[in-house]
Amino acid sequence: MTVFRPRPEPAEVARVTLTAVELLEVLWGRASTAPASPSQMRVLLMLEHQDGINLRTLADSLASTPPSTSRLCDRLVAAGFVERAVSPTDRREVRLHLSGRGRAFLDDLRARREQELQAVLELMPPAKRTALLEGLEAFCDTAALQIHDNAPHAGDQTA
């Protein structure tokens, strides 16, 4: 017998998604982000997707101030995760790049997180995994477009 389920409203999906995110945080807590703090993780992930952005653009993206963001980046530079480079078009501007060590750190973290996720996904019925995959792909595509459309452009501001 087929069970009729009305199309879920965005509010219901958002509520369930928040629960899933909280559970992911618990799972991912098993794959520690040390030595990077949550704020530093945000910077590393932003630099991975927006390589070469300047400090002011990064600060705006983090909803932070340039001095606070600069101190955050100082710690990441000291850890070897981030590199600073003078802009080839404006010597007053500093561009931020994820270093090889930073990329390796993110790759290792993702591998450990993926193991935690696989352990849960293996327990799900295949049809539910397929539905989850399709839904998450659509979510990622839509979220990436929204983030890209709302992000300040790297050349818009100097720092």
C-alpha atoms as a PDB file:
ATOM      1  CA  MET A   1       0.000   0.000   0.000  1.00  0.00           C
ATOM      2  CA  THR A   2       1.317   3.427  -0.975  1.00  0.00           C
ATOM      3  CA  VAL A   3       1.215   6.048   1.728  1.00  0.00           C
ATOM      4  CA  PHE A   4       0.275   9.501   0.492  1.00  0.00           C
ATOM      5  CA  ARG A   5       2.515  12.204   1.877  1.00  0.00           C
ATOM      6  CA  PRO A   6       1.803  15.822   0.979  1.00  0.00           C
ATOM      7  CA  ARG A   7       4.656  17.908  -0.337  1.00  0.00           C
ATOM      8  CA  PRO A   8       6.577  19.195   2.657  1.00  0.00           C
ATOM      9  CA  GLU A   9       6.627  22.916   3.278  1.00  0.00           C
ATOM     10  CA  PRO A  10      10.027  24.666   3.409  1.00  0.00           C
ATOM     11  CA  ALA A  11       9.570  25.275   7.164  1.00  0.00           C
ATOM     12  CA  GLU A  12       9.210  21.532   7.847  1.00  0.00           C
ATOM     13  CA  VAL A  13      12.217  20.724   5.686  1.00  0.00           C
ATOM     14  CA  ALA A  14      14.231  23.463   7.407  1.00  0.00           C
ATOM     15  CA  ARG A  15      13.356  22.026  10.837  1.00  0.00           C
ATOM     16  CA  VAL A  16      14.431  18.516   9.866  1.00  0.00           C
ATOM     17  CA  THR A  17      17.553  19.876   8.161  1.00  0.00           C
ATOM     18  CA  LEU A  18      18.533  21.735  11.352  1.00  0.00           C
ATOM     19  CA  THR A  19      18.191  18.495  13.283  1.00  0.00           C
ATOM     20  CA  ALA A  20      20.365  16.737  10.700  1.00  0.00           C
ATOM     21  CA  VAL A  21      22.987  19.503  10.941  1.00  0.00           C
ATOM     22  CA  GLU A  22      23.070  19.175  14.727  1.00  0.00           C
ATOM     23  CA  LEU A  23      23.532  15.415  14.404  1.00  0.00           C
ATOM     24  CA  LEU A  24      26.285  16.001  11.838  1.00  0.00           C
ATOM     25  CA  GLU A  25      28.034  18.301  14.299  1.00  0.00           C
ATOM     26  CA  VAL A  26      28.000  15.499  16.854  1.00  0.00           C
ATOM     27  CA  LEU A  27      29.333  12.999  14.294  1.00  0.00           C
ATOM     28  CA  TRP A  28      31.940  15.444  13.048  1.00  0.00           C
ATOM     29  CA  GLY A  29      32.993  16.171  16.606  1.00  0.00           C
ATOM     30  CA  ARG A  30      34.480  12.697  16.501  1.00  0.00           C
ATOM     31  CA  ALA A  31      36.714  13.951  13.660  1.00  0.00           C
ATOM     32  CA  SER A  32      38.290  16.835  15.553  1.00  0.00           C
ATOM     33  CA  THR A  33      39.132  20.054  13.723  1.00  0.00           C
ATOM     34  CA  ALA A  34      42.094  20.676  16.054  1.00  0.00           C
ATOM     35  CA  PRO A  35      44.290  22.659  15.731  1.00  0.00           C
ATOM     36  CA  ALA A  36      41.808  24.949  13.929  1.00  0.00           C
ATOM     37  CA  SER A  37      38.995  26.661  15.834  1.00  0.00           C
ATOM     38  CA  PRO A  38      35.501  26.905  14.306  1.00  0.00           C
ATOM     39  CA  SER A  39      36.229  30.493  13.203  1.00  0.00           C
ATOM     40  CA  GLN A  40      39.487  29.415  11.621  1.00  0.00           C
ATOM     41  CA  MET A  41      37.685  26.558   9.872  1.00  0.00           C
ATOM     42  CA  ARG A  42      35.305  29.078   8.298  1.00  0.00           C
ATOM     43  CA  VAL A  43      38.295  31.037   6.982  1.00  0.00           C
ATOM     44  CA  LEU A  44      39.963  27.921   5.577  1.00  0.00           C
ATOM     45  CA  LEU A  45      36.775  26.828   3.833  1.00  0.00           C
ATOM     46  CA  MET A  46      36.181  30.310   2.411  1.00  0.00           C
ATOM     47  CA  LEU A  47      39.741  30.521   1.102  1.00  0.00           C
ATOM     48  CA  GLU A  48      39.391  27.114  -0.472  1.00  0.00           C
ATOM     49  CA  HIS A  49      36.428  28.386  -2.495  1.00  0.00           C
ATOM     50  CA  GLN A  50      37.576  31.994  -2.981  1.00  0.00           C
ATOM     51  CA  ASP A  51      41.325  31.709  -3.324  1.00  0.00           C
ATOM     52  CA  GLY A  52      43.097  35.039  -3.413  1.00  0.00           C
ATOM     53  CA  ILE A  53      40.407  37.169  -1.761  1.00  0.00           C
ATOM     54  CA  ASN A  54      41.550  40.193   0.160  1.00  0.00           C
ATOM     55  CA  LEU A  55      41.215  40.740   3.889  1.00  0.00           C
ATOM     56  CA  ARG A  56      38.305  43.187   3.697  1.00  0.00           C
ATOM     57  CA  THR A  57      36.279  40.857   1.473  1.00  0.00           C
ATOM     58  CA  LEU A  58      36.993  37.986   3.858  1.00  0.00           C
ATOM     59  CA  ALA A  59      35.990  40.127   6.850  1.00  0.00           C
ATOM     60  CA  ASP A  60      32.747  41.112   5.125  1.00  0.00           C
ATOM     61  CA  SER A  61      32.006  37.479   4.304  1.00  0.00           C
ATOM     62  CA  LEU A  62      32.571  36.545   7.947  1.00  0.00           C
ATOM     63  CA  ALA A  63      30.505  39.532   9.183  1.00  0.00           C
ATOM     64  CA  SER A  64      33.574  40.583  11.144  1.00  0.00           C
ATOM     65  CA  THR A  65      35.914  43.544  11.315  1.00  0.00           C
ATOM     66  CA  PRO A  66      39.162  43.692   9.335  1.00  0.00           C
ATOM     67  CA  PRO A  67      41.320  43.873  12.524  1.00  0.00           C
ATOM     68  CA  SER A  68      39.658  40.755  13.998  1.00  0.00           C
ATOM     69  CA  THR A  69      39.909  38.934  10.692  1.00  0.00           C
ATOM     70  CA  SER A  70      43.550  39.959  10.366  1.00  0.00           C
ATOM     71  CA  ARG A  71      44.349  38.471  13.797  1.00  0.00           C
ATOM     72  CA  LEU A  72      42.485  35.300  12.823  1.00  0.00           C
ATOM     73  CA  CYS A  73      44.563  35.084   9.642  1.00  0.00           C
ATOM     74  CA  ASP A  74      47.768  35.800  11.613  1.00  0.00           C
ATOM     75  CA  ARG A  75      47.152  32.629  13.600  1.00  0.00           C
ATOM     76  CA  LEU A  76      46.447  30.631  10.430  1.00  0.00           C
ATOM     77  CA  VAL A  77      49.621  31.969   8.799  1.00  0.00           C
ATOM     78  CA  ALA A  78      51.600  31.028  11.927  1.00  0.00           C
ATOM     79  CA  ALA A  79      50.118  27.507  11.752  1.00  0.00           C
ATOM     80  CA  GLY A  80      51.154  27.281   8.086  1.00  0.00           C
ATOM     81  CA  PHE A  81      47.570  26.939   6.804  1.00  0.00           C
ATOM     82  CA  VAL A  82      47.324  30.316   5.033  1.00  0.00           C
ATOM     83  CA  GLU A  83      49.718  32.387   2.945  1.00  0.00           C
ATOM     84  CA  ARG A  84      49.573  36.113   2.353  1.00  0.00           C
ATOM     85  CA  ALA A  85      50.694  37.629  -0.940  1.00  0.00           C
ATOM     86  CA  VAL A  86      50.842  41.184  -2.201  1.00  0.00           C
ATOM     87  CA  SER A  87      48.384  41.783  -5.018  1.00  0.00           C
ATOM     88  CA  PRO A  88      50.089  42.025  -8.402  1.00  0.00           C
ATOM     89  CA  THR A  89      47.811  44.960  -9.307  1.00  0.00           C
ATOM     90  CA  ASP A  90      47.934  46.952  -6.043  1.00  0.00           C
ATOM     91  CA  ARG A  91      50.857  46.699  -3.628  1.00  0.00           C
ATOM     92  CA  ARG A  92      48.665  47.985  -0.769  1.00  0.00           C
ATOM     93  CA  GLU A  93      46.361  44.998  -1.090  1.00  0.00           C
ATOM     94  CA  VAL A  94      47.101  41.628   0.482  1.00  0.00           C
ATOM     95  CA  ARG A  95      45.616  38.499  -1.044  1.00  0.00           C
ATOM     96  CA  LEU A  96      44.976  35.403   1.066  1.00  0.00           C
ATOM     97  CA  HIS A  97      45.622  31.870  -0.159  1.00  0.00           C
ATOM     98  CA  LEU A  98      45.183  28.435   1.345  1.00  0.00           C
ATOM     99  CA  SER A  99      48.631  26.858   1.678  1.00  0.00           C
ATOM    100  CA  GLY A 100      49.514  23.292   0.766  1.00  0.00           C
ATOM    101  CA  ARG A 101      49.437  22.432   4.449  1.00  0.00           C
ATOM    102  CA  GLY A 102      45.997  24.043   4.752  1.00  0.00           C
ATOM    103  CA  ARG A 103      44.701  22.008   1.814  1.00  0.00           C
ATOM    104  CA  ALA A 104      46.164  18.810   3.291  1.00  0.00           C
ATOM    105  CA  PHE A 105      44.498  19.601   6.631  1.00  0.00           C
ATOM    106  CA  LEU A 106      41.096  20.059   4.956  1.00  0.00           C
ATOM    107  CA  ASP A 107      41.560  16.888   2.887  1.00  0.00           C
ATOM    108  CA  ASP A 108      42.396  14.869   6.015  1.00  0.00           C
ATOM    109  CA  LEU A 109      39.486  16.367   7.950  1.00  0.00           C
ATOM    110  CA  ARG A 110      37.085  15.572   5.115  1.00  0.00           C
ATOM    111  CA  ALA A 111      38.323  11.985   4.958  1.00  0.00           C
ATOM    112  CA  ARG A 112      37.720  11.518   8.689  1.00  0.00           C
ATOM    113  CA  ARG A 113      34.284  13.153   8.480  1.00  0.00           C
ATOM    114  CA  GLU A 114      33.388  11.017   5.486  1.00  0.00           C
ATOM    115  CA  GLN A 115      34.182   7.858   7.458  1.00  0.00           C
ATOM    116  CA  GLU A 116      31.784   8.957  10.203  1.00  0.00           C
ATOM    117  CA  LEU A 117      29.068   9.682   7.640  1.00  0.00           C
ATOM    118  CA  GLN A 118      29.566   6.402   5.801  1.00  0.00           C
ATOM    119  CA  ALA A 119      29.037   4.481   9.025  1.00  0.00           C
ATOM    120  CA  VAL A 120      25.565   6.051   9.350  1.00  0.00           C
ATOM    121  CA  LEU A 121      24.681   5.874   5.649  1.00  0.00           C
ATOM    122  CA  GLU A 122      25.487   2.165   5.489  1.00  0.00           C
ATOM    123  CA  LEU A 123      22.654   1.598   7.963  1.00  0.00           C
ATOM    124  CA  MET A 124      20.094   3.372   5.759  1.00  0.00           C
ATOM    125  CA  PRO A 125      18.004   1.528   3.156  1.00  0.00           C
ATOM    126  CA  PRO A 126      19.382   2.074  -0.381  1.00  0.00           C
ATOM    127  CA  ALA A 127      16.231   3.863  -1.611  1.00  0.00           C
ATOM    128  CA  LYS A 128      16.451   6.352   1.266  1.00  0.00           C
ATOM    129  CA  ARG A 129      20.150   6.960   0.496  1.00  0.00           C
ATOM    130  CA  THR A 130      19.233   7.675  -3.132  1.00  0.00           C
ATOM    131  CA  ALA A 131      16.514  10.121  -2.104  1.00  0.00           C
ATOM    132  CA  LEU A 132      18.908  11.800   0.344  1.00  0.00           C
ATOM    133  CA  LEU A 133      21.565  12.112  -2.350  1.00  0.00           C
ATOM    134  CA  GLU A 134      19.155  13.679  -4.839  1.00  0.00           C
ATOM    135  CA  GLY A 135      17.825  16.121  -2.259  1.00  0.00           C
ATOM    136  CA  LEU A 136      21.279  17.107  -1.046  1.00  0.00           C
ATOM    137  CA  GLU A 137      22.550  17.637  -4.603  1.00  0.00           C
ATOM    138  CA  ALA A 138      19.641  19.996  -5.285  1.00  0.00           C
ATOM    139  CA  PHE A 139      20.224  21.785  -1.974  1.00  0.00           C
ATOM    140  CA  CYS A 140      23.955  22.208  -2.647  1.00  0.00           C
ATOM    141  CA  ASP A 141      23.339  23.583  -6.143  1.00  0.00           C
ATOM    142  CA  THR A 142      20.765  26.081  -4.876  1.00  0.00           C
ATOM    143  CA  ALA A 143      22.785  27.132  -1.813  1.00  0.00           C
ATOM    144  CA  ALA A 144      25.952  27.603  -3.888  1.00  0.00           C
ATOM    145  CA  LEU A 145      24.086  29.876  -6.289  1.00  0.00           C
ATOM    146  CA  GLN A 146      22.639  31.924  -3.447  1.00  0.00           C
ATOM    147  CA  ILE A 147      26.010  32.225  -1.688  1.00  0.00           C
ATOM    148  CA  HIS A 148      27.738  33.168  -4.941  1.00  0.00           C
ATOM    149  CA  ASP A 149      25.073  35.762  -5.820  1.00  0.00           C
ATOM    150  CA  ASN A 150      25.269  37.366  -2.358  1.00  0.00           C
ATOM    151  CA  ALA A 151      29.061  37.228  -1.928  1.00  0.00           C
ATOM    152  CA  PRO A 152      31.147  40.374  -2.298  1.00  0.00           C
ATOM    153  CA  HIS A 153      33.433  40.115  -5.306  1.00  0.00           C
ATOM    154  CA  ALA A 154      37.160  39.806  -4.555  1.00  0.00           C
ATOM    155  CA  GLY A 155      38.100  42.906  -6.535  1.00  0.00           C
ATOM    156  CA  ASP A 156      35.400  45.155  -5.090  1.00  0.00           C
ATOM    157  CA  GLN A 157      37.248  46.303  -1.988  1.00  0.00           C
ATOM    158  CA  THR A 158      40.824  46.617  -0.845  1.00  0.00           C
ATOM    159  CA  ALA A 159      42.365  45.884   2.500  1.00  0.00           C
END
